[in-house]
Amino acid sequence: QKVPATFANDITANMLVCIDGIYKDIQKWIKEPWCSKILLELVSAIIHPSITELDLHYTLSFISKYLFARLNTMTKLKELKLYNLNDQTSEPLIIEGLYNMESLQVLTIHYHCSDSIVIAVGNKCTYLKSLDIAFSKSVTDASISSLLKLVHLEEIDLTDTCISGKGYMKLINEINCDVKNRLQKFGCSQIQTTHMTVLLRDFPSLVEVN
């Protein structure tokens, strides 16, 4: 019998929070190979094949590396939100996961997104509707060509990244015409009068600029 996606999403998220909360109880064994193997198997068992949403809004601790090691199995994900990642050590695992998420529609990675991750998004997550990579200083103008591949965008937040004013201008001038007509939210830093002129002229559905 098919498990409802909402149930699979909720139970997966709640069980991951529970496992993340036992760190103090197993701290003395955490570096043991057998402990890592058990935790990886446990996380693998928790992730249901029907999961479509993963919203990790809490600060991850020790369980994160085991979870990211299994991102590549979440092929049905439509929504992935990663907040407050501890560092960028999981970047290769996140990239590997994204290459298996062709149905992804919503992606949030705060602080620790990078040009490499955006390249993976542009190559594989072509149905993406919402992209929020705010506060990620490793996102630069090198990401613009990959962002231009996202032809279904309705929302994009690039606030406090290292994309330059020139990079923003290239993005809003060259982005797909359908995106221009559809985009409702645009978040950015270093916005200038020239940017606003283009946004007001060419983006008729835009209702929010941060």
N, C-alpha and C. Protein backbone atom coordinates (compact mmCIF):
# COMPACT_ATOMS: atom_id res chain seq x y z
N GLN A 1 0.83 -1.19 0.00
CA GLN A 1 0.00 0.00 0.00
C GLN A 1 0.88 1.25 0.00
N LYS A 2 0.50 2.22 -0.82
CA LYS A 2 1.29 3.43 -0.97
C LYS A 2 1.18 4.31 0.28
N VAL A 3 2.32 4.74 0.78
CA VAL A 3 2.36 5.62 1.95
C VAL A 3 2.17 7.07 1.50
N PRO A 4 1.24 7.82 2.13
CA PRO A 4 1.09 9.23 1.75
C PRO A 4 2.39 10.00 1.96
N ALA A 5 2.73 10.84 0.99
CA ALA A 5 3.99 11.58 1.06
C ALA A 5 4.07 12.45 2.30
N THR A 6 2.94 13.06 2.71
CA THR A 6 2.95 13.93 3.89
C THR A 6 3.33 13.15 5.14
N PHE A 7 2.84 11.91 5.25
CA PHE A 7 3.19 11.08 6.40
C PHE A 7 4.67 10.72 6.37
N ALA A 8 5.15 10.32 5.20
CA ALA A 8 6.57 9.96 5.07
C ALA A 8 7.46 11.15 5.38
N ASN A 9 7.06 12.34 4.93
CA ASN A 9 7.85 13.55 5.20
C ASN A 9 7.92 13.85 6.69
N ASP A 10 6.76 13.83 7.35
CA ASP A 10 6.69 14.19 8.77
C ASP A 10 7.43 13.19 9.64
N ILE A 11 7.21 11.91 9.39
CA ILE A 11 7.84 10.90 10.25
C ILE A 11 9.35 10.89 10.06
N THR A 12 9.80 11.10 8.83
CA THR A 12 11.25 11.15 8.57
C THR A 12 11.89 12.32 9.32
N ALA A 13 11.29 13.51 9.21
CA ALA A 13 11.84 14.70 9.87
C ALA A 13 11.87 14.54 11.38
N ASN A 14 10.77 14.03 11.94
CA ASN A 14 10.69 13.88 13.40
C ASN A 14 11.68 12.85 13.92
N MET A 15 11.86 11.77 13.19
CA MET A 15 12.79 10.73 13.63
C MET A 15 14.24 11.21 13.51
N LEU A 16 14.54 12.00 12.51
CA LEU A 16 15.89 12.56 12.39
C LEU A 16 16.20 13.49 13.55
N VAL A 17 15.21 14.29 13.97
CA VAL A 17 15.39 15.16 15.13
C VAL A 17 15.66 14.32 16.38
N CYS A 18 14.94 13.23 16.53
CA CYS A 18 15.13 12.36 17.70
C CYS A 18 16.53 11.76 17.72
N ILE A 19 16.98 11.27 16.58
CA ILE A 19 18.32 10.67 16.51
C ILE A 19 19.38 11.73 16.78
N ASP A 20 19.16 12.93 16.26
CA ASP A 20 20.12 14.01 16.47
C ASP A 20 20.23 14.39 17.95
N GLY A 21 19.18 14.09 18.71
CA GLY A 21 19.15 14.47 20.10
C GLY A 21 19.83 13.50 21.06
N ILE A 22 20.36 12.38 20.54
CA ILE A 22 20.97 11.40 21.45
C ILE A 22 22.49 11.53 21.50
N TYR A 23 23.02 12.64 20.96
CA TYR A 23 24.47 12.80 20.88
C TYR A 23 25.16 12.62 22.23
N LYS A 24 24.65 13.24 23.27
CA LYS A 24 25.29 13.14 24.57
C LYS A 24 25.34 11.71 25.09
N ASP A 25 24.33 10.93 24.74
CA ASP A 25 24.25 9.55 25.21
C ASP A 25 25.28 8.65 24.54
N ILE A 26 25.68 8.98 23.32
CA ILE A 26 26.60 8.11 22.59
C ILE A 26 27.92 8.79 22.25
N GLN A 27 28.14 9.96 22.84
CA GLN A 27 29.31 10.78 22.49
C GLN A 27 30.63 10.02 22.61
N LYS A 28 30.76 9.19 23.63
CA LYS A 28 32.03 8.50 23.85
C LYS A 28 32.33 7.44 22.80
N TRP A 29 31.31 7.04 22.05
CA TRP A 29 31.52 6.02 21.01
C TRP A 29 31.47 6.59 19.59
N ILE A 30 31.18 7.87 19.47
CA ILE A 30 30.84 8.45 18.17
C ILE A 30 31.95 8.29 17.14
N LYS A 31 33.21 8.22 17.56
CA LYS A 31 34.32 8.10 16.62
C LYS A 31 34.68 6.65 16.29
N GLU A 32 33.99 5.74 16.90
CA GLU A 32 34.24 4.33 16.63
C GLU A 32 33.63 3.93 15.28
N PRO A 33 34.35 3.20 14.45
CA PRO A 33 33.82 2.79 13.14
C PRO A 33 32.49 2.05 13.23
N TRP A 34 32.36 1.20 14.23
CA TRP A 34 31.11 0.44 14.36
C TRP A 34 29.93 1.34 14.69
N CYS A 35 30.19 2.42 15.45
CA CYS A 35 29.13 3.37 15.78
C CYS A 35 28.69 4.14 14.54
N SER A 36 29.66 4.60 13.75
CA SER A 36 29.35 5.30 12.51
C SER A 36 28.54 4.43 11.56
N LYS A 37 28.90 3.15 11.50
CA LYS A 37 28.18 2.23 10.63
C LYS A 37 26.73 2.07 11.07
N ILE A 38 26.53 1.94 12.38
CA ILE A 38 25.17 1.79 12.91
C ILE A 38 24.34 3.04 12.62
N LEU A 39 24.94 4.21 12.84
CA LEU A 39 24.22 5.47 12.61
C LEU A 39 23.84 5.65 11.14
N LEU A 40 24.76 5.27 10.25
CA LEU A 40 24.47 5.37 8.82
C LEU A 40 23.34 4.42 8.44
N GLU A 41 23.35 3.22 8.97
CA GLU A 41 22.28 2.25 8.70
C GLU A 41 20.96 2.73 9.28
N LEU A 42 21.03 3.37 10.46
CA LEU A 42 19.81 3.89 11.09
C LEU A 42 19.20 5.01 10.27
N VAL A 43 20.03 5.94 9.82
CA VAL A 43 19.53 7.04 8.99
C VAL A 43 18.96 6.50 7.67
N SER A 44 19.63 5.51 7.10
CA SER A 44 19.15 4.90 5.85
C SER A 44 17.77 4.28 6.04
N ALA A 45 17.56 3.66 7.21
CA ALA A 45 16.27 3.02 7.50
C ALA A 45 15.17 4.05 7.73
N ILE A 46 15.53 5.21 8.28
CA ILE A 46 14.55 6.25 8.58
C ILE A 46 14.02 6.91 7.31
N ILE A 47 14.89 7.09 6.31
CA ILE A 47 14.49 7.79 5.09
C ILE A 47 13.57 6.91 4.26
N HIS A 48 12.31 7.32 4.18
CA HIS A 48 11.33 6.53 3.44
C HIS A 48 11.43 6.83 1.94
N PRO A 49 11.26 5.83 1.09
CA PRO A 49 11.35 6.05 -0.36
C PRO A 49 10.35 7.07 -0.90
N SER A 50 9.25 7.28 -0.16
CA SER A 50 8.21 8.21 -0.63
C SER A 50 8.44 9.65 -0.22
N ILE A 51 9.52 9.94 0.50
CA ILE A 51 9.75 11.29 0.99
C ILE A 51 9.87 12.28 -0.16
N THR A 52 9.14 13.41 -0.04
CA THR A 52 9.18 14.45 -1.07
C THR A 52 9.67 15.78 -0.51
N GLU A 53 9.71 15.91 0.82
CA GLU A 53 10.15 17.16 1.44
C GLU A 53 11.11 16.87 2.59
N LEU A 54 12.17 17.65 2.66
CA LEU A 54 13.11 17.56 3.77
C LEU A 54 13.46 18.98 4.20
N ASP A 55 12.94 19.37 5.35
CA ASP A 55 13.11 20.73 5.85
C ASP A 55 13.91 20.67 7.14
N LEU A 56 15.22 20.88 7.04
CA LEU A 56 16.11 20.80 8.20
C LEU A 56 16.34 22.21 8.74
N HIS A 57 15.33 22.68 9.49
CA HIS A 57 15.34 24.06 9.96
C HIS A 57 16.12 24.22 11.26
N TYR A 58 16.46 23.11 11.89
CA TYR A 58 17.22 23.17 13.13
C TYR A 58 18.72 23.12 12.82
N THR A 59 19.53 23.46 13.83
CA THR A 59 20.98 23.40 13.66
C THR A 59 21.43 21.95 13.74
N LEU A 60 22.00 21.46 12.66
CA LEU A 60 22.44 20.07 12.63
C LEU A 60 23.67 19.88 13.51
N SER A 61 23.74 18.73 14.14
CA SER A 61 24.97 18.40 14.87
C SER A 61 25.58 17.15 14.26
N PHE A 62 25.75 16.11 15.02
CA PHE A 62 26.53 14.98 14.53
C PHE A 62 25.83 14.18 13.44
N ILE A 63 24.52 14.22 13.36
CA ILE A 63 23.79 13.35 12.44
C ILE A 63 23.89 13.84 10.99
N SER A 64 24.33 15.09 10.79
CA SER A 64 24.29 15.68 9.45
C SER A 64 25.09 14.89 8.43
N LYS A 65 26.29 14.45 8.78
CA LYS A 65 27.12 13.77 7.78
C LYS A 65 26.51 12.44 7.35
N TYR A 66 25.78 11.80 8.24
CA TYR A 66 25.13 10.54 7.89
C TYR A 66 23.91 10.79 7.00
N LEU A 67 23.23 11.88 7.29
CA LEU A 67 22.07 12.25 6.47
C LEU A 67 22.51 12.65 5.07
N PHE A 68 23.54 13.49 4.97
CA PHE A 68 24.01 13.92 3.67
C PHE A 68 24.56 12.76 2.84
N ALA A 69 25.09 11.76 3.51
CA ALA A 69 25.59 10.57 2.81
C ALA A 69 24.46 9.80 2.14
N ARG A 70 23.24 10.08 2.52
CA ARG A 70 22.08 9.39 1.94
C ARG A 70 21.19 10.32 1.11
N LEU A 71 21.63 11.54 0.90
CA LEU A 71 20.84 12.45 0.06
C LEU A 71 20.64 11.89 -1.34
N ASN A 72 21.62 11.15 -1.82
CA ASN A 72 21.53 10.63 -3.19
C ASN A 72 20.46 9.55 -3.35
N THR A 73 19.87 9.11 -2.24
CA THR A 73 18.78 8.12 -2.32
C THR A 73 17.40 8.79 -2.36
N MET A 74 17.36 10.11 -2.14
CA MET A 74 16.08 10.82 -2.05
C MET A 74 15.68 11.35 -3.43
N THR A 75 15.44 10.44 -4.33
CA THR A 75 15.23 10.79 -5.73
C THR A 75 13.87 11.43 -6.01
N LYS A 76 12.93 11.34 -5.05
CA LYS A 76 11.60 11.91 -5.26
C LYS A 76 11.43 13.27 -4.59
N LEU A 77 12.51 13.79 -4.02
CA LEU A 77 12.40 15.07 -3.31
C LEU A 77 11.93 16.19 -4.24
N LYS A 78 10.96 16.95 -3.76
CA LYS A 78 10.51 18.15 -4.45
C LYS A 78 10.92 19.41 -3.68
N GLU A 79 11.22 19.24 -2.39
CA GLU A 79 11.57 20.38 -1.56
C GLU A 79 12.70 20.00 -0.61
N LEU A 80 13.78 20.75 -0.66
CA LEU A 80 14.94 20.52 0.22
C LEU A 80 15.36 21.86 0.81
N LYS A 81 15.33 21.94 2.16
CA LYS A 81 15.72 23.16 2.84
C LYS A 81 16.77 22.84 3.89
N LEU A 82 17.92 23.46 3.74
CA LEU A 82 19.05 23.24 4.64
C LEU A 82 19.47 24.58 5.24
N TYR A 83 19.22 24.71 6.53
CA TYR A 83 19.59 25.94 7.23
C TYR A 83 20.73 25.66 8.22
N ASN A 84 21.54 26.66 8.46
CA ASN A 84 22.53 26.60 9.53
C ASN A 84 23.45 25.39 9.46
N LEU A 85 23.92 25.08 8.25
CA LEU A 85 24.90 24.01 8.14
C LEU A 85 26.16 24.41 8.89
N ASN A 86 26.80 23.44 9.50
CA ASN A 86 27.97 23.74 10.32
C ASN A 86 29.15 24.25 9.49
N ASP A 87 29.32 23.70 8.28
CA ASP A 87 30.43 24.11 7.42
C ASP A 87 30.16 23.58 6.01
N GLN A 88 31.19 23.62 5.17
CA GLN A 88 31.01 23.18 3.78
C GLN A 88 31.59 21.79 3.53
N THR A 89 31.89 21.05 4.59
CA THR A 89 32.50 19.74 4.39
C THR A 89 31.55 18.76 3.71
N SER A 90 30.25 19.04 3.77
CA SER A 90 29.27 18.15 3.15
C SER A 90 28.97 18.51 1.70
N GLU A 91 29.67 19.51 1.17
CA GLU A 91 29.38 19.98 -0.19
C GLU A 91 29.40 18.86 -1.23
N PRO A 92 30.41 17.98 -1.27
CA PRO A 92 30.41 16.91 -2.29
C PRO A 92 29.19 15.99 -2.18
N LEU A 93 28.73 15.73 -0.95
CA LEU A 93 27.57 14.87 -0.75
C LEU A 93 26.29 15.58 -1.19
N ILE A 94 26.21 16.88 -0.91
CA ILE A 94 25.04 17.65 -1.35
C ILE A 94 24.98 17.69 -2.87
N ILE A 95 26.12 17.90 -3.51
CA ILE A 95 26.18 17.92 -4.98
C ILE A 95 25.76 16.57 -5.55
N GLU A 96 26.27 15.50 -4.98
CA GLU A 96 25.90 14.16 -5.45
C GLU A 96 24.40 13.95 -5.31
N GLY A 97 23.84 14.41 -4.18
CA GLY A 97 22.40 14.28 -3.98
C GLY A 97 21.61 15.06 -5.00
N LEU A 98 22.02 16.29 -5.29
CA LEU A 98 21.30 17.13 -6.24
C LEU A 98 21.28 16.53 -7.64
N TYR A 99 22.34 15.81 -7.99
CA TYR A 99 22.38 15.18 -9.31
C TYR A 99 21.36 14.06 -9.45
N ASN A 100 20.73 13.66 -8.33
CA ASN A 100 19.70 12.63 -8.36
C ASN A 100 18.32 13.19 -8.03
N MET A 101 18.20 14.51 -8.02
CA MET A 101 16.93 15.15 -7.64
C MET A 101 16.34 15.93 -8.81
N GLU A 102 16.04 15.27 -9.86
CA GLU A 102 15.55 15.95 -11.06
C GLU A 102 14.14 16.51 -10.90
N SER A 103 13.42 16.08 -9.84
CA SER A 103 12.06 16.57 -9.61
C SER A 103 12.02 17.73 -8.62
N LEU A 104 13.19 18.16 -8.14
CA LEU A 104 13.25 19.20 -7.12
C LEU A 104 12.65 20.51 -7.62
N GLN A 105 11.78 21.10 -6.78
CA GLN A 105 11.12 22.35 -7.13
C GLN A 105 11.49 23.50 -6.19
N VAL A 106 11.88 23.16 -4.95
CA VAL A 106 12.22 24.18 -3.95
C VAL A 106 13.55 23.81 -3.32
N LEU A 107 14.50 24.73 -3.34
CA LEU A 107 15.81 24.49 -2.71
C LEU A 107 16.23 25.71 -1.91
N THR A 108 16.55 25.47 -0.63
CA THR A 108 17.09 26.50 0.25
C THR A 108 18.38 25.99 0.86
N ILE A 109 19.45 26.73 0.68
CA ILE A 109 20.72 26.45 1.36
C ILE A 109 21.28 27.78 1.83
N HIS A 110 21.17 28.05 3.11
CA HIS A 110 21.67 29.30 3.65
C HIS A 110 23.12 29.19 4.11
N TYR A 111 23.88 30.22 3.88
CA TYR A 111 25.25 30.40 4.35
C TYR A 111 26.29 29.55 3.63
N HIS A 112 26.00 28.30 3.34
CA HIS A 112 27.04 27.40 2.83
C HIS A 112 26.79 26.85 1.43
N CYS A 113 25.99 27.58 0.64
CA CYS A 113 25.92 27.22 -0.77
C CYS A 113 27.20 27.71 -1.45
N SER A 114 27.45 27.23 -2.65
CA SER A 114 28.69 27.59 -3.36
C SER A 114 28.42 27.57 -4.86
N ASP A 115 29.39 28.07 -5.62
CA ASP A 115 29.28 28.00 -7.08
C ASP A 115 29.15 26.56 -7.56
N SER A 116 29.87 25.65 -6.93
CA SER A 116 29.82 24.24 -7.33
C SER A 116 28.43 23.66 -7.14
N ILE A 117 27.77 24.02 -6.04
CA ILE A 117 26.42 23.54 -5.80
C ILE A 117 25.46 24.14 -6.82
N VAL A 118 25.61 25.42 -7.11
CA VAL A 118 24.73 26.07 -8.10
C VAL A 118 24.91 25.45 -9.48
N ILE A 119 26.12 25.08 -9.82
CA ILE A 119 26.36 24.40 -11.10
C ILE A 119 25.58 23.09 -11.17
N ALA A 120 25.60 22.33 -10.08
CA ALA A 120 24.84 21.08 -10.03
C ALA A 120 23.35 21.34 -10.16
N VAL A 121 22.87 22.39 -9.52
CA VAL A 121 21.45 22.76 -9.62
C VAL A 121 21.09 23.10 -11.06
N GLY A 122 21.92 23.90 -11.70
CA GLY A 122 21.65 24.30 -13.08
C GLY A 122 21.66 23.13 -14.05
N ASN A 123 22.49 22.15 -13.76
CA ASN A 123 22.61 20.99 -14.66
C ASN A 123 21.48 19.98 -14.49
N LYS A 124 20.99 19.81 -13.26
CA LYS A 124 20.06 18.71 -12.99
C LYS A 124 18.69 19.12 -12.47
N CYS A 125 18.62 20.23 -11.74
CA CYS A 125 17.34 20.61 -11.11
C CYS A 125 16.61 21.63 -11.98
N THR A 126 16.35 21.26 -13.19
CA THR A 126 15.84 22.22 -14.18
C THR A 126 14.36 22.57 -13.96
N TYR A 127 13.67 21.85 -13.08
CA TYR A 127 12.26 22.16 -12.79
C TYR A 127 12.11 23.03 -11.55
N LEU A 128 13.22 23.53 -11.04
CA LEU A 128 13.21 24.32 -9.82
C LEU A 128 12.36 25.59 -9.97
N LYS A 129 11.49 25.82 -8.98
CA LYS A 129 10.64 27.00 -8.97
C LYS A 129 11.10 28.05 -7.97
N SER A 130 11.75 27.58 -6.89
CA SER A 130 12.18 28.50 -5.84
C SER A 130 13.61 28.16 -5.42
N LEU A 131 14.48 29.16 -5.47
CA LEU A 131 15.88 28.98 -5.06
C LEU A 131 16.25 30.07 -4.07
N ASP A 132 16.66 29.65 -2.87
CA ASP A 132 17.06 30.59 -1.82
C ASP A 132 18.44 30.18 -1.32
N ILE A 133 19.45 30.94 -1.71
CA ILE A 133 20.83 30.64 -1.30
C ILE A 133 21.43 31.87 -0.62
N ALA A 134 20.60 32.55 0.14
CA ALA A 134 21.00 33.78 0.82
C ALA A 134 22.15 33.54 1.80
N PHE A 135 22.95 34.57 1.99
CA PHE A 135 24.05 34.60 2.97
C PHE A 135 25.20 33.65 2.62
N SER A 136 25.24 33.21 1.39
CA SER A 136 26.28 32.27 0.95
C SER A 136 27.40 33.03 0.24
N LYS A 137 28.48 33.26 0.94
CA LYS A 137 29.57 34.07 0.40
C LYS A 137 30.39 33.34 -0.66
N SER A 138 30.17 32.04 -0.81
CA SER A 138 30.90 31.28 -1.83
C SER A 138 30.13 31.22 -3.15
N VAL A 139 29.05 31.97 -3.25
CA VAL A 139 28.31 32.10 -4.50
C VAL A 139 28.74 33.41 -5.15
N THR A 140 29.29 33.32 -6.35
CA THR A 140 29.86 34.47 -7.03
C THR A 140 29.27 34.61 -8.44
N ASP A 141 29.84 35.50 -9.21
CA ASP A 141 29.39 35.68 -10.60
C ASP A 141 29.57 34.41 -11.43
N ALA A 142 30.41 33.49 -10.96
CA ALA A 142 30.61 32.23 -11.68
C ALA A 142 29.33 31.39 -11.71
N SER A 143 28.36 31.71 -10.85
CA SER A 143 27.10 30.96 -10.80
C SER A 143 26.06 31.46 -11.81
N ILE A 144 26.28 32.63 -12.38
CA ILE A 144 25.24 33.24 -13.22
C ILE A 144 24.84 32.36 -14.40
N SER A 145 25.81 31.77 -15.08
CA SER A 145 25.48 30.94 -16.25
C SER A 145 24.62 29.74 -15.86
N SER A 146 24.83 29.22 -14.67
CA SER A 146 24.01 28.09 -14.20
C SER A 146 22.62 28.55 -13.79
N LEU A 147 22.52 29.71 -13.17
CA LEU A 147 21.21 30.26 -12.80
C LEU A 147 20.35 30.52 -14.03
N LEU A 148 21.00 30.89 -15.13
CA LEU A 148 20.26 31.16 -16.36
C LEU A 148 19.63 29.91 -16.96
N LYS A 149 20.05 28.74 -16.51
CA LYS A 149 19.48 27.48 -17.00
C LYS A 149 18.15 27.14 -16.33
N LEU A 150 17.83 27.84 -15.25
CA LEU A 150 16.62 27.54 -14.48
C LEU A 150 15.44 28.30 -15.09
N VAL A 151 14.71 27.64 -15.96
CA VAL A 151 13.69 28.31 -16.76
C VAL A 151 12.28 28.23 -16.16
N HIS A 152 12.18 27.68 -14.95
CA HIS A 152 10.86 27.59 -14.30
C HIS A 152 10.79 28.40 -13.01
N LEU A 153 11.79 29.23 -12.78
CA LEU A 153 11.86 29.97 -11.52
C LEU A 153 10.67 30.92 -11.32
N GLU A 154 10.19 30.95 -10.08
CA GLU A 154 9.18 31.91 -9.65
C GLU A 154 9.71 32.79 -8.52
N GLU A 155 10.72 32.26 -7.79
CA GLU A 155 11.32 33.01 -6.69
C GLU A 155 12.82 32.72 -6.66
N ILE A 156 13.62 33.76 -6.40
CA ILE A 156 15.06 33.56 -6.24
C ILE A 156 15.58 34.57 -5.22
N ASP A 157 16.37 34.07 -4.28
CA ASP A 157 16.94 34.94 -3.25
C ASP A 157 18.46 34.76 -3.22
N LEU A 158 19.16 35.81 -3.62
CA LEU A 158 20.62 35.81 -3.67
C LEU A 158 21.19 36.84 -2.69
N THR A 159 20.42 37.19 -1.67
CA THR A 159 20.82 38.20 -0.71
C THR A 159 22.14 37.84 -0.01
N ASP A 160 23.03 38.80 0.11
CA ASP A 160 24.30 38.63 0.82
C ASP A 160 25.16 37.50 0.27
N THR A 161 25.08 37.29 -1.03
CA THR A 161 26.06 36.44 -1.71
C THR A 161 27.16 37.37 -2.23
N CYS A 162 28.11 36.81 -2.94
CA CYS A 162 29.20 37.63 -3.50
C CYS A 162 29.00 37.89 -4.99
N ILE A 163 27.76 37.84 -5.44
CA ILE A 163 27.45 38.21 -6.81
C ILE A 163 27.53 39.73 -6.92
N SER A 164 28.19 40.20 -7.93
CA SER A 164 28.42 41.63 -8.10
C SER A 164 27.23 42.30 -8.78
N GLY A 165 27.27 43.64 -8.80
CA GLY A 165 26.24 44.39 -9.51
C GLY A 165 26.22 44.02 -10.98
N LYS A 166 27.38 43.80 -11.56
CA LYS A 166 27.48 43.39 -12.96
C LYS A 166 26.86 42.02 -13.16
N GLY A 167 27.07 41.14 -12.19
CA GLY A 167 26.49 39.79 -12.28
C GLY A 167 24.98 39.82 -12.22
N TYR A 168 24.42 40.66 -11.33
CA TYR A 168 22.97 40.80 -11.25
C TYR A 168 22.39 41.32 -12.56
N MET A 169 23.09 42.27 -13.16
CA MET A 169 22.60 42.83 -14.42
C MET A 169 22.59 41.79 -15.52
N LYS A 170 23.62 40.97 -15.58
CA LYS A 170 23.66 39.89 -16.58
C LYS A 170 22.51 38.93 -16.35
N LEU A 171 22.23 38.60 -15.08
CA LEU A 171 21.17 37.66 -14.76
C LEU A 171 19.81 38.18 -15.19
N ILE A 172 19.48 39.40 -14.82
CA ILE A 172 18.14 39.90 -15.11
C ILE A 172 17.96 40.28 -16.58
N ASN A 173 19.05 40.55 -17.27
CA ASN A 173 18.94 40.85 -18.70
C ASN A 173 18.82 39.60 -19.55
N GLU A 174 19.51 38.54 -19.15
CA GLU A 174 19.60 37.35 -20.01
C GLU A 174 18.72 36.19 -19.58
N ILE A 175 18.04 36.33 -18.45
CA ILE A 175 17.21 35.23 -17.97
C ILE A 175 16.07 34.96 -18.95
N ASN A 176 15.61 33.72 -18.97
CA ASN A 176 14.57 33.28 -19.90
C ASN A 176 13.34 34.18 -19.85
N CYS A 177 12.75 34.45 -21.02
CA CYS A 177 11.59 35.35 -21.10
C CYS A 177 10.42 34.85 -20.27
N ASP A 178 10.21 33.54 -20.22
CA ASP A 178 9.12 32.99 -19.40
C ASP A 178 9.37 33.26 -17.92
N VAL A 179 10.63 33.20 -17.51
CA VAL A 179 10.96 33.51 -16.11
C VAL A 179 10.68 34.98 -15.83
N LYS A 180 11.01 35.85 -16.76
CA LYS A 180 10.74 37.28 -16.58
C LYS A 180 9.25 37.52 -16.36
N ASN A 181 8.42 36.80 -17.07
CA ASN A 181 6.98 36.98 -16.94
C ASN A 181 6.42 36.33 -15.68
N ARG A 182 7.14 35.34 -15.15
CA ARG A 182 6.63 34.54 -14.04
C ARG A 182 7.20 34.94 -12.69
N LEU A 183 8.41 35.48 -12.66
CA LEU A 183 9.11 35.72 -11.39
C LEU A 183 8.34 36.67 -10.48
N GLN A 184 8.15 36.24 -9.21
CA GLN A 184 7.40 37.03 -8.25
C GLN A 184 8.27 37.62 -7.15
N LYS A 185 9.41 36.97 -6.87
CA LYS A 185 10.28 37.44 -5.79
C LYS A 185 11.73 37.42 -6.25
N PHE A 186 12.42 38.52 -5.98
CA PHE A 186 13.83 38.62 -6.34
C PHE A 186 14.58 39.24 -5.16
N GLY A 187 15.45 38.45 -4.54
CA GLY A 187 16.24 38.92 -3.42
C GLY A 187 17.69 39.09 -3.83
N CYS A 188 18.27 40.25 -3.53
CA CYS A 188 19.65 40.48 -3.93
C CYS A 188 20.28 41.57 -3.06
N SER A 189 21.59 41.68 -3.15
CA SER A 189 22.32 42.75 -2.49
C SER A 189 22.87 43.68 -3.57
N GLN A 190 23.35 44.83 -3.17
CA GLN A 190 23.96 45.80 -4.09
C GLN A 190 23.01 46.22 -5.21
N ILE A 191 21.72 46.24 -4.92
CA ILE A 191 20.79 46.63 -5.97
C ILE A 191 20.96 48.11 -6.29
N GLN A 192 20.92 48.41 -7.58
CA GLN A 192 21.16 49.76 -8.05
C GLN A 192 19.96 50.24 -8.87
N THR A 193 19.95 51.52 -9.15
CA THR A 193 18.85 52.09 -9.92
C THR A 193 18.70 51.41 -11.27
N THR A 194 19.84 51.08 -11.90
CA THR A 194 19.78 50.42 -13.21
C THR A 194 19.12 49.05 -13.10
N HIS A 195 19.37 48.34 -11.99
CA HIS A 195 18.73 47.04 -11.78
C HIS A 195 17.21 47.22 -11.64
N MET A 196 16.82 48.19 -10.81
CA MET A 196 15.40 48.42 -10.57
C MET A 196 14.68 48.80 -11.86
N THR A 197 15.34 49.55 -12.71
CA THR A 197 14.74 49.95 -13.99
C THR A 197 14.40 48.73 -14.83
N VAL A 198 15.34 47.78 -14.90
CA VAL A 198 15.11 46.55 -15.67
C VAL A 198 14.03 45.71 -15.02
N LEU A 199 14.07 45.57 -13.69
CA LEU A 199 13.09 44.74 -12.98
C LEU A 199 11.68 45.29 -13.16
N LEU A 200 11.51 46.60 -13.05
CA LEU A 200 10.19 47.20 -13.19
C LEU A 200 9.69 47.13 -14.63
N ARG A 201 10.61 47.18 -15.58
CA ARG A 201 10.22 47.18 -17.00
C ARG A 201 9.93 45.79 -17.53
N ASP A 202 10.74 44.80 -17.12
CA ASP A 202 10.70 43.50 -17.78
C ASP A 202 10.09 42.36 -16.95
N PHE A 203 9.75 42.61 -15.68
CA PHE A 203 9.25 41.55 -14.80
C PHE A 203 7.87 41.92 -14.30
N PRO A 204 6.83 41.72 -15.10
CA PRO A 204 5.48 42.21 -14.77
C PRO A 204 4.83 41.53 -13.55
N SER A 205 5.27 40.32 -13.19
CA SER A 205 4.66 39.61 -12.06
C SER A 205 5.39 39.84 -10.74
N LEU A 206 6.48 40.60 -10.78
CA LEU A 206 7.30 40.81 -9.60
C LEU A 206 6.53 41.59 -8.52
N VAL A 207 6.47 41.01 -7.31
CA VAL A 207 5.75 41.67 -6.21
C VAL A 207 6.67 41.96 -5.03
N GLU A 208 7.88 41.39 -5.03
CA GLU A 208 8.76 41.61 -3.90
C GLU A 208 10.22 41.65 -4.36
N VAL A 209 10.93 42.71 -3.96
CA VAL A 209 12.36 42.83 -4.19
C VAL A 209 13.00 43.13 -2.86
N ASN A 210 13.92 42.26 -2.43
CA ASN A 210 14.60 42.45 -1.14
C ASN A 210 15.98 43.07 -1.35
